[in-house]
């Protein structure tokens, strides 16, 4: 095997494992200057981030800061209590999918919730058949979330 002769300016032999000095990594500079690309957020993490944002709602004339998730759940509860069938069914599905807590006091009795919901729905249907709402509750329930002012 024939060896290549060194050029006059080469201070050492260039070969396997011995790259030329001009192509080596420079001291103090990373070999990967841009770094690893950031992870693209998935739908679950984006949804969680949005639901944890704070909003201001009005409850009984008092302003209260709550998360978007809490505001949505309160709105869903109000709609279910007003007799919106789909809202009650949605609440039942959500509660059914929740993991049970370790304590007895934290458990939710789905049968009693279902029975109460059925009673509310039957009463609502009876009132509609009789010709309208109860005069005591004739006033519409206001939206608990304040609208954004675009002025």
Protein backbone atom coordinates (compact mmCIF):
# COMPACT_ATOMS: atom_id res chain seq x y z
CA UNK A 1 0.00 0.00 0.00
CA UNK A 2 1.30 3.29 -1.02
CA UNK A 3 1.33 6.22 1.40
CA UNK A 4 0.40 9.68 0.27
CA UNK A 5 3.05 12.22 0.80
CA UNK A 6 2.25 15.14 3.04
CA UNK A 7 1.93 18.51 1.47
CA UNK A 8 4.26 21.16 2.77
CA UNK A 9 1.52 23.03 4.71
CA UNK A 10 -0.01 19.91 6.37
CA UNK A 11 1.17 19.64 9.98
CA UNK A 12 0.00 16.05 10.35
CA UNK A 13 -1.17 13.09 8.32
CA UNK A 14 -4.79 13.24 7.07
CA UNK A 15 -6.74 9.98 6.95
CA UNK A 16 -9.35 7.82 8.70
CA UNK A 17 -10.22 9.47 12.02
CA UNK A 18 -7.94 12.40 11.19
CA UNK A 19 -9.93 15.01 9.24
CA UNK A 20 -8.27 18.11 7.90
CA UNK A 21 -8.09 20.95 10.43
CA UNK A 22 -10.27 23.25 8.33
CA UNK A 23 -13.22 20.79 8.43
CA UNK A 24 -13.11 20.01 12.16
CA UNK A 25 -15.68 21.39 14.62
CA UNK A 26 -14.65 24.84 15.77
CA UNK A 27 -14.01 25.26 19.48
CA UNK A 28 -16.83 26.91 21.39
CA UNK A 29 -19.41 26.22 18.67
CA UNK A 30 -22.02 23.47 18.81
CA UNK A 31 -22.08 20.74 16.20
CA UNK A 32 -25.86 21.21 16.04
CA UNK A 33 -26.42 24.98 16.23
CA UNK A 34 -30.18 24.94 15.58
CA UNK A 35 -30.75 22.14 18.06
CA UNK A 36 -33.54 19.61 18.12
CA UNK A 37 -36.84 20.90 16.72
CA UNK A 38 -39.56 21.62 19.26
CA UNK A 39 -42.33 19.10 19.70
CA UNK A 40 -45.53 20.12 17.92
CA UNK A 41 -48.39 20.35 20.43
CA UNK A 42 -51.11 17.75 20.09
CA UNK A 43 -54.85 18.35 20.39
CA UNK A 44 -55.07 17.13 24.00
CA UNK A 45 -52.37 19.50 25.28
CA UNK A 46 -53.86 22.44 23.35
CA UNK A 47 -57.35 21.70 24.69
CA UNK A 48 -56.02 21.40 28.24
CA UNK A 49 -54.20 24.72 27.89
CA UNK A 50 -57.35 26.48 26.63
CA UNK A 51 -59.59 24.98 29.34
CA UNK A 52 -57.21 26.13 32.08
CA UNK A 53 -57.33 29.81 31.04
CA UNK A 54 -59.15 32.15 33.42
CA UNK A 55 -62.30 34.10 32.56
CA UNK A 56 -64.49 36.45 34.58
CA UNK A 57 -68.14 35.48 35.05
CA UNK A 58 -70.99 37.12 36.95
CA UNK A 59 -72.77 34.99 39.55
CA UNK A 60 -75.62 36.63 41.46
CA UNK A 61 -74.29 40.09 40.60
CA UNK A 62 -70.77 39.26 41.83
CA UNK A 63 -67.84 38.91 39.46
CA UNK A 64 -65.88 35.72 39.90
CA UNK A 65 -62.70 34.48 38.21
CA UNK A 66 -62.91 30.84 37.15
CA UNK A 67 -61.35 28.60 34.53
CA UNK A 68 -62.98 28.15 31.14
CA UNK A 69 -63.67 24.54 32.12
CA UNK A 70 -65.59 25.60 35.23
CA UNK A 71 -67.57 28.20 33.27
CA UNK A 72 -68.55 25.61 30.66
CA UNK A 73 -69.61 23.11 33.30
CA UNK A 74 -71.72 25.74 35.08
CA UNK A 75 -73.35 26.70 31.78
CA UNK A 76 -74.06 23.04 31.00
CA UNK A 77 -75.56 22.57 34.47
CA UNK A 78 -77.81 25.62 34.02
CA UNK A 79 -79.02 24.38 30.65
CA UNK A 80 -79.77 20.94 32.08
CA UNK A 81 -81.74 22.50 34.93
CA UNK A 82 -83.70 24.61 32.43
CA UNK A 83 -84.86 21.38 30.81
CA UNK A 84 -82.44 21.01 27.91
CA UNK A 85 -82.51 17.24 27.41
CA UNK A 86 -79.17 17.03 25.56
CA UNK A 87 -77.36 18.91 28.34
CA UNK A 88 -78.59 16.49 31.00
CA UNK A 89 -77.58 13.49 28.92
CA UNK A 90 -74.16 15.01 28.32
CA UNK A 91 -73.64 15.56 32.05
CA UNK A 92 -74.61 11.95 32.69
CA UNK A 93 -72.09 10.73 30.11
CA UNK A 94 -69.32 12.92 31.54
CA UNK A 95 -69.97 11.75 35.10
CA UNK A 96 -70.10 8.11 33.95
CA UNK A 97 -66.66 8.39 32.32
CA UNK A 98 -64.98 9.98 35.34
CA UNK A 99 -62.76 7.70 37.42
CA UNK A 100 -64.11 6.99 40.88
CA UNK A 101 -62.30 8.69 43.73
CA UNK A 102 -60.89 6.72 46.64
CA UNK A 103 -63.23 8.21 49.23
CA UNK A 104 -66.87 7.27 49.70
CA UNK A 105 -67.91 10.92 50.00
CA UNK A 106 -66.56 11.62 46.52
CA UNK A 107 -68.63 8.93 44.81
CA UNK A 108 -71.48 9.94 42.55
CA UNK A 109 -74.68 7.88 42.60
CA UNK A 110 -75.64 7.77 38.93
CA UNK A 111 -79.03 6.17 39.58
CA UNK A 112 -80.16 8.97 41.89
CA UNK A 113 -78.86 11.58 39.44
CA UNK A 114 -80.70 9.84 36.62
CA UNK A 115 -83.91 9.68 38.65
CA UNK A 116 -83.70 13.38 39.55
CA UNK A 117 -83.02 14.26 35.93
CA UNK A 118 -86.01 12.20 34.75
CA UNK A 119 -88.24 13.96 37.32
CA UNK A 120 -87.03 17.38 36.15
CA UNK A 121 -87.62 16.46 32.50
CA UNK A 122 -91.11 15.09 33.23
CA UNK A 123 -92.02 18.23 35.18
CA UNK A 124 -90.69 20.41 32.36
CA UNK A 125 -92.71 18.48 29.78
CA UNK A 126 -95.84 18.74 31.97
CA UNK A 127 -95.42 22.52 32.31
CA UNK A 128 -95.00 22.92 28.55
CA UNK A 129 -98.14 20.85 27.96
CA UNK A 130 -100.09 23.02 30.42
CA UNK A 131 -99.25 26.12 28.44
CA UNK A 132 -95.94 27.61 29.41
CA UNK A 133 -93.60 28.25 32.25
CA UNK A 134 -94.31 28.60 35.91
CA UNK A 135 -95.03 32.31 36.69
CA UNK A 136 -92.43 32.24 39.49
CA UNK A 137 -89.70 31.14 37.09
CA UNK A 138 -90.90 33.00 33.99
CA UNK A 139 -87.74 35.08 33.85
CA UNK A 140 -85.01 33.60 31.64
CA UNK A 141 -81.81 32.51 33.32
CA UNK A 142 -79.04 34.94 32.31
CA UNK A 143 -75.87 33.76 30.64
CA UNK A 144 -73.21 33.34 33.38
CA UNK A 145 -70.31 34.24 31.04
CA UNK A 146 -69.87 37.94 30.32
CA UNK A 147 -69.68 38.80 26.59
CA UNK A 148 -66.45 40.26 25.28
CA UNK A 149 -66.63 44.01 24.59
CA UNK A 150 -65.22 44.73 21.13
CA UNK A 151 -65.46 48.50 21.46
